[in-house]
Amino acid sequence: MGDADYGVHKLAASTVDWKAIREDFPILREQAHGHPLIYFDSAATSQKPRPVIEALRKFYEHDNANVHRGLHTLSSRATEAYSFSRVERLRASISSLRLGAKSLYAKET
């Protein structure tokens, strides 16, 4: 068998600050069998970085209600936050396309 070219892996390891990424996920501070937790996403449950946890905490503490389901204040705030996040995501996608970034769904030519 020939030697595998691990240059890509070396490049990724040298350009990504894995320690900083791990620090952004509080659950990765846990231990499993006396070793640092390693978690591979099974697509059924993904671990959340700190900003997501904080956004969820803020939502549950201040705006927890079903979106598009009521006329009361909490439902209105939840709907507004939901709609804003969708608009912001669309705006960011359009901006990245204008800057020449490739879409994840664009076909290679």
Protein backbone atom coordinates (compact mmCIF):
# COMPACT_ATOMS: atom_id res chain seq x y z
CA MET A 1 0.00 0.00 0.00
CA GLY A 2 1.21 3.46 -0.80
CA ASP A 3 1.57 6.26 1.67
CA ALA A 4 -1.55 8.37 2.04
CA ASP A 5 -1.24 12.10 1.50
CA TYR A 6 -2.29 13.72 4.75
CA GLY A 7 -1.37 17.23 3.60
CA VAL A 8 -5.00 18.32 3.69
CA HIS A 9 -5.34 17.18 7.29
CA LYS A 10 -2.12 18.96 8.24
CA LEU A 11 -3.41 22.14 6.61
CA ALA A 12 -6.72 21.93 8.48
CA ALA A 13 -4.94 21.28 11.75
CA SER A 14 -2.65 24.25 11.20
CA THR A 15 -5.38 26.73 10.21
CA VAL A 16 -8.20 25.84 12.60
CA ASP A 17 -7.99 26.66 16.29
CA TRP A 18 -9.64 23.47 17.53
CA LYS A 19 -9.05 24.39 21.18
CA ALA A 20 -10.98 27.65 20.73
CA ILE A 21 -13.80 25.81 18.98
CA ARG A 22 -14.02 23.24 21.79
CA GLU A 23 -14.12 26.06 24.36
CA ASP A 24 -17.23 27.46 22.66
CA PHE A 25 -19.11 24.21 23.42
CA PRO A 26 -19.64 23.98 27.20
CA ILE A 27 -20.54 20.28 27.09
CA LEU A 28 -17.09 19.46 25.73
CA ARG A 29 -15.66 20.35 29.14
CA GLU A 30 -17.26 17.17 30.47
CA GLN A 31 -15.29 14.00 31.11
CA ALA A 32 -16.14 10.50 29.86
CA HIS A 33 -14.35 7.61 31.54
CA GLY A 34 -11.71 9.99 32.87
CA HIS A 35 -10.96 11.57 29.48
CA PRO A 36 -12.13 14.75 27.75
CA LEU A 37 -15.48 14.20 26.05
CA ILE A 38 -15.35 13.63 22.32
CA TYR A 39 -18.71 13.91 20.59
CA PHE A 40 -19.40 13.10 16.97
CA ASP A 41 -22.75 14.43 15.77
CA SER A 42 -25.11 11.62 14.96
CA ALA A 43 -27.48 13.98 13.11
CA ALA A 44 -30.09 13.16 15.73
CA THR A 45 -28.65 15.45 18.41
CA SER A 46 -26.07 18.14 17.90
CA GLN A 47 -24.26 19.90 20.68
CA LYS A 48 -24.78 23.63 20.94
CA PRO A 49 -22.13 26.36 21.10
CA ARG A 50 -22.41 28.98 23.82
CA PRO A 51 -24.08 31.67 21.59
CA VAL A 52 -26.90 29.26 20.71
CA ILE A 53 -27.38 28.27 24.35
CA GLU A 54 -27.49 31.94 25.34
CA ALA A 55 -29.98 32.78 22.56
CA LEU A 56 -32.21 29.89 23.62
CA ARG A 57 -31.97 30.89 27.28
CA LYS A 58 -32.93 34.47 26.40
CA PHE A 59 -35.86 33.25 24.31
CA TYR A 60 -37.16 30.92 27.04
CA GLU A 61 -36.79 33.61 29.71
CA HIS A 62 -38.38 36.48 27.77
CA ASP A 63 -40.29 35.43 24.63
CA ASN A 64 -41.29 31.77 24.93
CA ALA A 65 -44.43 31.28 22.85
CA ASN A 66 -45.52 29.61 19.64
CA VAL A 67 -44.72 31.52 16.47
CA HIS A 68 -47.73 32.64 14.36
CA ARG A 69 -50.13 31.16 16.94
CA GLY A 70 -51.49 34.02 18.95
CA LEU A 71 -52.24 37.69 19.28
CA HIS A 72 -50.77 38.11 22.74
CA THR A 73 -47.50 39.92 23.44
CA LEU A 74 -45.29 36.86 23.81
CA SER A 75 -46.50 35.32 20.56
CA SER A 76 -45.98 38.62 18.76
CA ARG A 77 -42.42 38.90 20.08
CA ALA A 78 -41.64 35.27 19.21
CA THR A 79 -43.03 35.75 15.69
CA GLU A 80 -41.03 38.95 15.23
CA ALA A 81 -37.81 37.27 16.36
CA TYR A 82 -38.46 34.27 14.08
CA SER A 83 -39.20 36.48 11.07
CA PHE A 84 -36.16 38.67 11.76
CA SER A 85 -33.86 35.65 11.91
CA ARG A 86 -35.16 34.39 8.57
CA VAL A 87 -34.69 37.80 6.94
CA GLU A 88 -31.18 38.12 8.39
CA ARG A 89 -30.22 34.67 7.11
CA LEU A 90 -31.50 35.55 3.64
CA ARG A 91 -29.68 38.90 3.73
CA ALA A 92 -26.41 37.21 4.72
CA SER A 93 -26.81 34.66 1.92
CA ILE A 94 -27.43 37.35 -0.69
CA SER A 95 -24.47 39.38 0.61
CA SER A 96 -22.14 36.39 0.40
CA LEU A 97 -23.27 35.72 -3.18
CA ARG A 98 -22.63 39.36 -4.11
CA LEU A 99 -19.14 39.05 -2.68
CA GLY A 100 -18.50 36.06 -4.92
CA ALA A 101 -18.74 33.34 -2.30
CA LYS A 102 -19.94 30.03 -3.65
CA SER A 103 -23.33 28.81 -2.58
CA LEU A 104 -23.41 25.41 -0.96
CA TYR A 105 -26.01 24.44 -3.51
CA ALA A 106 -24.28 25.82 -6.61
CA LYS A 107 -23.12 23.26 -9.14
CA GLU A 108 -19.46 23.16 -10.06
CA THR A 109 -18.81 24.35 -13.61
